[in-house]
């Protein structure tokens, strides 16, 4: 439990609030309130859970052997699965983050192209074809463009 508390990262609410659009401010405030209440509840919990008093339950539970059966069962069967899922999720998130950074770099390069180009209303056809080669007309494929050949009429 202590390891989990140490692994929890603090949220920079000021930076988060700067990115929230005005029409979603109420939802943001609700999220922050819920997050603060959950954090307060987690902080109030003890570091280690209270140990089970098996003798008390043996004296209270009427069915003989039931408490002994529960005591013999493993206490925690899911923590290992949860930890492995957490590690897998962290790997997936890291891979997604790296892919996102690559996409951002690619988009920044494209954005730089738009920032440095001649304004569209001042471009010639040659400037357009140099800036965006995909717009260049293929005379071999469309020799009569913008007109259709007589055979196609």
N, C-alpha and C. Protein backbone atom coordinates (compact mmCIF):
# COMPACT_ATOMS: atom_id res chain seq x y z
N UNK A 1 0.83 -1.19 0.00
CA UNK A 1 0.00 0.00 0.00
C UNK A 1 0.87 1.24 0.00
N UNK A 2 1.98 1.20 0.75
CA UNK A 2 2.84 2.37 0.82
C UNK A 2 3.47 2.65 -0.54
N UNK A 3 3.82 1.57 -1.25
CA UNK A 3 4.38 1.74 -2.58
C UNK A 3 3.39 2.37 -3.53
N UNK A 4 2.14 2.01 -3.38
CA UNK A 4 1.10 2.57 -4.24
C UNK A 4 0.90 4.05 -3.96
N UNK A 5 0.96 4.42 -2.69
CA UNK A 5 0.78 5.84 -2.35
C UNK A 5 1.94 6.67 -2.88
N UNK A 6 3.13 6.12 -2.84
CA UNK A 6 4.29 6.85 -3.33
C UNK A 6 4.24 6.99 -4.85
N UNK A 7 3.62 6.01 -5.52
CA UNK A 7 3.57 6.02 -6.98
C UNK A 7 2.53 7.01 -7.53
N UNK A 8 1.61 7.43 -6.70
CA UNK A 8 0.58 8.37 -7.15
C UNK A 8 1.23 9.72 -7.45
N UNK A 9 0.95 10.24 -8.62
CA UNK A 9 1.56 11.50 -9.02
C UNK A 9 0.63 12.65 -8.71
N UNK A 10 1.22 13.76 -8.34
CA UNK A 10 0.43 14.96 -8.05
C UNK A 10 -0.03 15.58 -9.36
N UNK A 11 -1.21 16.12 -9.35
CA UNK A 11 -1.79 16.75 -10.53
C UNK A 11 -1.56 18.25 -10.42
N UNK A 12 -1.08 18.84 -11.48
CA UNK A 12 -0.88 20.29 -11.53
C UNK A 12 -2.22 20.90 -11.95
N UNK A 13 -3.04 21.23 -10.98
CA UNK A 13 -4.40 21.71 -11.26
C UNK A 13 -4.40 23.07 -11.93
N UNK A 14 -3.39 23.88 -11.66
CA UNK A 14 -3.33 25.22 -12.28
C UNK A 14 -3.10 25.08 -13.78
N UNK A 15 -2.14 24.22 -14.16
CA UNK A 15 -1.87 24.00 -15.58
C UNK A 15 -3.06 23.33 -16.26
N UNK A 16 -3.71 22.42 -15.53
CA UNK A 16 -4.89 21.75 -16.06
C UNK A 16 -6.01 22.76 -16.29
N UNK A 17 -6.21 23.66 -15.34
CA UNK A 17 -7.29 24.65 -15.44
C UNK A 17 -7.07 25.61 -16.61
N UNK A 18 -5.82 25.88 -16.95
CA UNK A 18 -5.53 26.77 -18.07
C UNK A 18 -5.99 26.18 -19.41
N UNK A 19 -6.04 24.85 -19.48
CA UNK A 19 -6.39 24.18 -20.72
C UNK A 19 -7.87 23.84 -20.83
N UNK A 20 -8.64 24.13 -19.79
CA UNK A 20 -10.07 23.81 -19.79
C UNK A 20 -10.84 24.94 -20.47
N UNK A 21 -11.66 24.61 -21.49
CA UNK A 21 -12.46 25.66 -22.14
C UNK A 21 -13.51 26.21 -21.18
N UNK A 22 -13.94 27.44 -21.38
CA UNK A 22 -14.91 28.05 -20.47
C UNK A 22 -16.23 27.28 -20.35
N UNK A 23 -16.66 26.63 -21.43
CA UNK A 23 -17.93 25.91 -21.37
C UNK A 23 -17.82 24.60 -20.59
N UNK A 24 -16.61 24.18 -20.24
CA UNK A 24 -16.42 22.95 -19.47
C UNK A 24 -15.87 23.22 -18.06
N UNK A 25 -15.93 24.45 -17.63
CA UNK A 25 -15.40 24.84 -16.33
C UNK A 25 -16.14 24.13 -15.18
N UNK A 26 -17.47 23.98 -15.29
CA UNK A 26 -18.24 23.32 -14.23
C UNK A 26 -17.83 21.86 -14.10
N UNK A 27 -17.62 21.18 -15.23
CA UNK A 27 -17.19 19.78 -15.18
C UNK A 27 -15.79 19.68 -14.56
N UNK A 28 -14.92 20.62 -14.88
CA UNK A 28 -13.58 20.64 -14.30
C UNK A 28 -13.65 20.81 -12.79
N UNK A 29 -14.47 21.75 -12.32
CA UNK A 29 -14.60 21.97 -10.87
C UNK A 29 -15.15 20.73 -10.18
N UNK A 30 -16.10 20.05 -10.83
CA UNK A 30 -16.65 18.82 -10.26
C UNK A 30 -15.56 17.74 -10.17
N UNK A 31 -14.76 17.61 -11.23
CA UNK A 31 -13.67 16.63 -11.23
C UNK A 31 -12.67 16.92 -10.12
N UNK A 32 -12.31 18.19 -9.96
CA UNK A 32 -11.34 18.56 -8.93
C UNK A 32 -11.90 18.27 -7.54
N UNK A 33 -13.17 18.56 -7.32
CA UNK A 33 -13.79 18.29 -6.02
C UNK A 33 -13.79 16.80 -5.73
N UNK A 34 -14.18 15.99 -6.72
CA UNK A 34 -14.19 14.54 -6.52
C UNK A 34 -12.78 14.01 -6.28
N UNK A 35 -11.82 14.52 -7.04
CA UNK A 35 -10.43 14.08 -6.86
C UNK A 35 -9.91 14.43 -5.46
N UNK A 36 -10.22 15.63 -5.00
CA UNK A 36 -9.79 16.04 -3.66
C UNK A 36 -10.44 15.17 -2.58
N UNK A 37 -11.71 14.83 -2.77
CA UNK A 37 -12.38 14.00 -1.75
C UNK A 37 -11.82 12.59 -1.73
N UNK A 38 -11.52 12.02 -2.89
CA UNK A 38 -10.92 10.69 -2.94
C UNK A 38 -9.52 10.72 -2.34
N UNK A 39 -8.74 11.75 -2.64
CA UNK A 39 -7.40 11.87 -2.07
C UNK A 39 -7.46 11.99 -0.55
N UNK A 40 -8.45 12.72 -0.05
CA UNK A 40 -8.59 12.85 1.41
C UNK A 40 -8.96 11.52 2.04
N UNK A 41 -9.85 10.76 1.39
CA UNK A 41 -10.22 9.44 1.91
C UNK A 41 -9.02 8.50 1.93
N UNK A 42 -8.23 8.51 0.85
CA UNK A 42 -7.05 7.65 0.79
C UNK A 42 -6.03 8.05 1.85
N UNK A 43 -5.88 9.33 2.09
CA UNK A 43 -4.92 9.78 3.10
C UNK A 43 -5.36 9.39 4.50
N UNK A 44 -6.68 9.28 4.72
CA UNK A 44 -7.17 8.93 6.05
C UNK A 44 -7.06 7.43 6.36
N UNK A 45 -6.88 6.61 5.34
CA UNK A 45 -6.77 5.16 5.56
C UNK A 45 -5.41 4.83 6.17
N UNK A 46 -5.36 3.77 7.01
CA UNK A 46 -4.08 3.38 7.59
C UNK A 46 -3.16 2.80 6.52
N UNK A 47 -1.88 2.82 6.81
CA UNK A 47 -0.88 2.33 5.87
C UNK A 47 -1.07 0.83 5.61
N UNK A 48 -1.34 0.06 6.66
CA UNK A 48 -1.60 -1.37 6.54
C UNK A 48 -3.01 -1.64 7.04
N UNK A 49 -3.74 -2.52 6.35
CA UNK A 49 -5.09 -2.84 6.84
C UNK A 49 -5.01 -3.61 8.17
N UNK A 50 -6.07 -3.51 8.93
CA UNK A 50 -6.12 -4.20 10.23
C UNK A 50 -6.10 -5.71 10.00
N UNK A 51 -5.38 -6.41 10.87
CA UNK A 51 -5.31 -7.86 10.73
C UNK A 51 -6.62 -8.49 11.19
N UNK A 52 -6.92 -9.65 10.64
CA UNK A 52 -8.18 -10.34 10.95
C UNK A 52 -8.03 -11.11 12.26
N UNK A 53 -8.99 -10.93 13.15
CA UNK A 53 -9.00 -11.63 14.43
C UNK A 53 -9.79 -12.94 14.25
N UNK A 54 -9.07 -14.01 13.89
CA UNK A 54 -9.73 -15.27 13.57
C UNK A 54 -10.39 -15.89 14.81
N UNK A 55 -9.83 -15.69 16.00
CA UNK A 55 -10.43 -16.27 17.20
C UNK A 55 -11.80 -15.65 17.47
N UNK A 56 -11.93 -14.38 17.22
CA UNK A 56 -13.23 -13.71 17.40
C UNK A 56 -14.27 -14.31 16.45
N UNK A 57 -13.89 -14.50 15.21
CA UNK A 57 -14.84 -15.04 14.23
C UNK A 57 -15.18 -16.50 14.53
N UNK A 58 -14.22 -17.27 15.06
CA UNK A 58 -14.52 -18.66 15.44
C UNK A 58 -15.58 -18.71 16.53
N UNK A 59 -15.53 -17.73 17.44
CA UNK A 59 -16.51 -17.72 18.53
C UNK A 59 -17.87 -17.19 18.09
N UNK A 60 -17.92 -16.41 17.03
CA UNK A 60 -19.16 -15.77 16.59
C UNK A 60 -19.89 -16.58 15.50
N UNK A 61 -19.13 -17.12 14.55
CA UNK A 61 -19.75 -17.82 13.41
C UNK A 61 -20.24 -19.17 13.88
N UNK A 62 -21.50 -19.48 13.54
CA UNK A 62 -22.14 -20.69 14.03
C UNK A 62 -21.69 -21.94 13.28
N UNK A 63 -21.43 -21.83 11.98
CA UNK A 63 -21.07 -23.00 11.19
C UNK A 63 -19.62 -23.40 11.49
N UNK A 64 -19.44 -24.63 11.97
CA UNK A 64 -18.12 -25.11 12.36
C UNK A 64 -17.26 -25.32 11.11
N UNK A 65 -16.04 -24.93 11.20
CA UNK A 65 -15.08 -25.15 10.11
C UNK A 65 -15.06 -24.05 9.06
N UNK A 66 -16.07 -23.19 9.07
CA UNK A 66 -16.12 -22.14 8.03
C UNK A 66 -14.98 -21.14 8.21
N UNK A 67 -14.71 -20.73 9.43
CA UNK A 67 -13.65 -19.77 9.68
C UNK A 67 -12.29 -20.40 9.38
N UNK A 68 -12.11 -21.68 9.73
CA UNK A 68 -10.85 -22.37 9.43
C UNK A 68 -10.64 -22.46 7.92
N UNK A 69 -11.73 -22.70 7.20
CA UNK A 69 -11.63 -22.77 5.73
C UNK A 69 -11.19 -21.42 5.14
N UNK A 70 -11.77 -20.35 5.64
CA UNK A 70 -11.38 -19.02 5.15
C UNK A 70 -9.95 -18.66 5.55
N UNK A 71 -9.54 -19.11 6.71
CA UNK A 71 -8.19 -18.80 7.19
C UNK A 71 -7.14 -19.52 6.35
N UNK A 72 -7.45 -20.72 5.87
CA UNK A 72 -6.50 -21.49 5.07
C UNK A 72 -6.36 -20.93 3.66
N UNK A 73 -7.40 -20.28 3.16
CA UNK A 73 -7.34 -19.74 1.80
C UNK A 73 -6.31 -18.62 1.73
N UNK A 74 -5.71 -18.46 0.57
CA UNK A 74 -4.75 -17.35 0.46
C UNK A 74 -5.45 -16.01 0.65
N UNK A 75 -4.77 -15.13 1.32
CA UNK A 75 -5.35 -13.84 1.66
C UNK A 75 -5.50 -12.98 0.40
N UNK A 76 -4.47 -12.92 -0.41
CA UNK A 76 -4.48 -12.03 -1.55
C UNK A 76 -4.15 -12.80 -2.82
N UNK A 77 -5.14 -12.94 -3.67
CA UNK A 77 -4.93 -13.69 -4.91
C UNK A 77 -4.89 -12.78 -6.14
N UNK A 78 -5.24 -11.53 -6.00
CA UNK A 78 -5.39 -10.66 -7.16
C UNK A 78 -4.29 -9.62 -7.32
N UNK A 79 -3.49 -9.40 -6.30
CA UNK A 79 -2.48 -8.34 -6.37
C UNK A 79 -1.48 -8.61 -7.48
N UNK A 80 -1.05 -9.85 -7.65
CA UNK A 80 -0.09 -10.17 -8.70
C UNK A 80 -0.68 -9.89 -10.09
N UNK A 81 -1.96 -10.24 -10.28
CA UNK A 81 -2.62 -9.98 -11.56
C UNK A 81 -2.74 -8.47 -11.81
N UNK A 82 -3.11 -7.76 -10.78
CA UNK A 82 -3.27 -6.31 -10.91
C UNK A 82 -1.93 -5.65 -11.22
N UNK A 83 -0.87 -6.11 -10.55
CA UNK A 83 0.46 -5.55 -10.81
C UNK A 83 0.92 -5.82 -12.24
N UNK A 84 0.65 -7.04 -12.73
CA UNK A 84 1.05 -7.34 -14.11
C UNK A 84 0.23 -6.52 -15.10
N UNK A 85 -1.06 -6.32 -14.81
CA UNK A 85 -1.88 -5.48 -15.69
C UNK A 85 -1.40 -4.03 -15.65
N UNK A 86 -0.98 -3.58 -14.48
CA UNK A 86 -0.47 -2.22 -14.35
C UNK A 86 0.82 -2.04 -15.15
N UNK A 87 1.71 -3.04 -15.07
CA UNK A 87 2.95 -2.96 -15.84
C UNK A 87 2.67 -2.98 -17.33
N UNK A 88 1.73 -3.80 -17.76
CA UNK A 88 1.36 -3.86 -19.18
C UNK A 88 0.74 -2.53 -19.63
N UNK A 89 -0.10 -1.96 -18.78
CA UNK A 89 -0.70 -0.66 -19.10
C UNK A 89 0.36 0.43 -19.18
N UNK A 90 1.35 0.38 -18.29
CA UNK A 90 2.43 1.36 -18.33
C UNK A 90 3.25 1.22 -19.61
N UNK A 91 3.50 -0.02 -20.05
CA UNK A 91 4.23 -0.24 -21.30
C UNK A 91 3.42 0.30 -22.48
N UNK A 92 2.13 0.01 -22.48
CA UNK A 92 1.26 0.48 -23.56
C UNK A 92 1.20 2.00 -23.58
N UNK A 93 1.10 2.60 -22.41
CA UNK A 93 1.05 4.06 -22.32
C UNK A 93 2.36 4.68 -22.79
N UNK A 94 3.48 4.06 -22.43
CA UNK A 94 4.78 4.59 -22.87
C UNK A 94 4.92 4.48 -24.39
N UNK A 95 4.47 3.37 -24.96
CA UNK A 95 4.52 3.21 -26.41
C UNK A 95 3.62 4.24 -27.10
N UNK A 96 2.45 4.46 -26.54
CA UNK A 96 1.52 5.46 -27.10
C UNK A 96 2.12 6.86 -27.00
N UNK A 97 2.79 7.14 -25.90
CA UNK A 97 3.42 8.44 -25.72
C UNK A 97 4.53 8.66 -26.74
N UNK A 98 5.34 7.64 -26.98
CA UNK A 98 6.40 7.76 -27.97
C UNK A 98 5.83 7.95 -29.37
N UNK A 99 4.78 7.19 -29.70
CA UNK A 99 4.14 7.34 -31.01
C UNK A 99 3.53 8.73 -31.14
N UNK A 100 2.94 9.23 -30.08
CA UNK A 100 2.35 10.57 -30.10
C UNK A 100 3.42 11.63 -30.30
N UNK A 101 4.56 11.47 -29.66
CA UNK A 101 5.65 12.43 -29.84
C UNK A 101 6.14 12.41 -31.28
N UNK A 102 6.20 11.22 -31.90
CA UNK A 102 6.61 11.13 -33.30
C UNK A 102 5.59 11.83 -34.20
N UNK A 103 4.28 11.63 -33.91
CA UNK A 103 3.24 12.30 -34.69
C UNK A 103 3.34 13.82 -34.53
N UNK A 104 3.59 14.26 -33.32
CA UNK A 104 3.69 15.70 -33.06
C UNK A 104 4.86 16.29 -33.84
N UNK A 105 5.99 15.60 -33.85
CA UNK A 105 7.15 16.09 -34.61
C UNK A 105 6.83 16.17 -36.09
N UNK A 106 6.13 15.15 -36.59
CA UNK A 106 5.74 15.15 -38.00
C UNK A 106 4.78 16.30 -38.31
N UNK A 107 3.82 16.53 -37.43
CA UNK A 107 2.86 17.61 -37.64
C UNK A 107 3.52 18.98 -37.51
N UNK A 108 4.49 19.10 -36.61
CA UNK A 108 5.21 20.36 -36.47
C UNK A 108 5.97 20.68 -37.75
N UNK A 109 6.54 19.64 -38.37
CA UNK A 109 7.25 19.83 -39.63
C UNK A 109 6.28 20.32 -40.71
N UNK A 110 5.09 19.72 -40.77
CA UNK A 110 4.07 20.16 -41.73
C UNK A 110 3.59 21.56 -41.44
N UNK A 111 3.45 21.90 -40.17
CA UNK A 111 3.02 23.24 -39.79
C UNK A 111 4.07 24.28 -40.17
N UNK A 112 5.33 23.91 -40.03
CA UNK A 112 6.41 24.82 -40.42
C UNK A 112 6.35 25.10 -41.92
N UNK A 113 5.96 24.09 -42.69
CA UNK A 113 5.81 24.28 -44.14
C UNK A 113 4.74 25.34 -44.42
N UNK A 114 3.63 25.29 -43.70
CA UNK A 114 2.56 26.26 -43.90
C UNK A 114 2.95 27.65 -43.41
N UNK A 115 3.73 27.71 -42.35
CA UNK A 115 4.16 29.01 -41.82
C UNK A 115 5.12 29.73 -42.79
N UNK A 116 5.94 28.95 -43.50
CA UNK A 116 6.96 29.53 -44.37
C UNK A 116 6.50 29.71 -45.81
N UNK A 117 5.32 29.25 -46.18
CA UNK A 117 4.91 29.35 -47.58
C UNK A 117 4.41 30.74 -47.92
N UNK A 118 4.40 31.01 -49.20
CA UNK A 118 3.90 32.28 -49.71
C UNK A 118 2.40 32.33 -49.44
N UNK A 119 1.83 33.47 -49.07
CA UNK A 119 0.38 33.53 -48.89
C UNK A 119 -0.34 33.04 -50.15
N UNK A 120 -1.42 32.32 -49.94
CA UNK A 120 -2.11 31.66 -51.05
C UNK A 120 -2.57 32.64 -52.11
N UNK A 121 -3.02 33.82 -51.71
CA UNK A 121 -3.51 34.78 -52.70
C UNK A 121 -2.38 35.41 -53.51
N UNK A 122 -1.13 35.18 -53.13
CA UNK A 122 0.00 35.72 -53.87
C UNK A 122 0.75 34.64 -54.66
N UNK A 123 0.28 33.40 -54.58
CA UNK A 123 0.95 32.28 -55.24
C UNK A 123 0.66 32.25 -56.73
N UNK A 124 1.64 31.79 -57.48
CA UNK A 124 1.41 31.46 -58.88
C UNK A 124 1.19 29.95 -58.94
N UNK A 125 0.83 29.46 -60.11
CA UNK A 125 0.63 28.01 -60.27
C UNK A 125 1.94 27.27 -60.00
N UNK A 126 3.04 27.83 -60.43
CA UNK A 126 4.35 27.20 -60.20
C UNK A 126 4.65 27.13 -58.69
N UNK A 127 4.35 28.23 -57.97
CA UNK A 127 4.56 28.23 -56.51
C UNK A 127 3.69 27.16 -55.85
N UNK A 128 2.44 27.06 -56.30
CA UNK A 128 1.53 26.05 -55.75
C UNK A 128 2.07 24.65 -56.00
N UNK A 129 2.53 24.39 -57.23
CA UNK A 129 3.06 23.06 -57.56
C UNK A 129 4.35 22.76 -56.82
N UNK A 130 5.17 23.78 -56.56
CA UNK A 130 6.39 23.55 -55.79
C UNK A 130 6.09 23.28 -54.32
N UNK A 131 5.12 24.01 -53.78
CA UNK A 131 4.78 23.84 -52.37
C UNK A 131 4.00 22.56 -52.14
N UNK A 132 3.05 22.27 -53.02
CA UNK A 132 2.22 21.07 -52.91
C UNK A 132 2.35 20.27 -54.20
N UNK A 133 3.36 19.39 -54.29
CA UNK A 133 3.59 18.65 -55.54
C UNK A 133 2.41 17.76 -55.95
N UNK A 134 1.59 17.38 -55.01
CA UNK A 134 0.45 16.51 -55.35
C UNK A 134 -0.60 17.24 -56.18
N UNK A 135 -0.54 18.56 -56.26
CA UNK A 135 -1.52 19.31 -57.04
C UNK A 135 -1.09 19.50 -58.49
N UNK A 136 0.15 19.11 -58.81
CA UNK A 136 0.65 19.30 -60.17
C UNK A 136 -0.13 18.43 -61.14
N UNK A 137 -0.52 19.00 -62.24
CA UNK A 137 -1.32 18.32 -63.25
C UNK A 137 -0.45 17.35 -64.03
N UNK A 138 -0.94 16.13 -64.17
CA UNK A 138 -0.25 15.10 -64.94
C UNK A 138 -0.78 15.14 -66.37
N UNK A 139 0.00 15.74 -67.25
CA UNK A 139 -0.44 15.92 -68.64
C UNK A 139 -0.58 14.58 -69.36
N UNK A 140 0.21 13.58 -68.99
CA UNK A 140 0.11 12.28 -69.64
C UNK A 140 -1.20 11.59 -69.26
N UNK A 141 -1.64 11.77 -68.03
CA UNK A 141 -2.87 11.13 -67.56
C UNK A 141 -4.10 11.93 -67.96
N UNK A 142 -4.02 13.24 -67.93
CA UNK A 142 -5.13 14.13 -68.27
C UNK A 142 -4.67 15.16 -69.31
N UNK A 143 -4.52 14.76 -70.57
CA UNK A 143 -3.96 15.68 -71.56
C UNK A 143 -4.89 16.83 -71.93
N UNK A 144 -6.18 16.69 -71.74
CA UNK A 144 -7.13 17.72 -72.16
C UNK A 144 -7.71 18.50 -70.99
N UNK A 145 -7.18 18.33 -69.79
CA UNK A 145 -7.74 18.98 -68.62
C UNK A 145 -7.76 20.48 -68.81
N UNK A 146 -8.78 21.18 -68.45
CA UNK A 146 -10.00 20.81 -67.75
C UNK A 146 -11.11 20.32 -68.67
N UNK A 147 -10.82 20.12 -69.93
CA UNK A 147 -11.83 19.67 -70.88
C UNK A 147 -11.78 18.16 -71.02
N UNK A 148 -12.92 17.57 -71.34
CA UNK A 148 -12.97 16.13 -71.57
C UNK A 148 -12.69 15.88 -73.06
N UNK A 149 -12.03 14.77 -73.33
CA UNK A 149 -11.80 14.43 -74.74
C UNK A 149 -13.15 14.17 -75.44
N UNK A 150 -13.16 14.35 -76.74
CA UNK A 150 -14.40 14.19 -77.53
C UNK A 150 -14.92 12.76 -77.39
N UNK A 151 -14.05 11.78 -77.26
CA UNK A 151 -14.46 10.37 -77.16
C UNK A 151 -15.28 10.13 -75.89
N UNK A 152 -15.03 10.90 -74.80
CA UNK A 152 -15.75 10.72 -73.54
C UNK A 152 -17.11 11.40 -73.53
N UNK A 153 -17.42 12.23 -74.51
CA UNK A 153 -18.68 12.94 -74.52
C UNK A 153 -19.74 12.05 -74.99
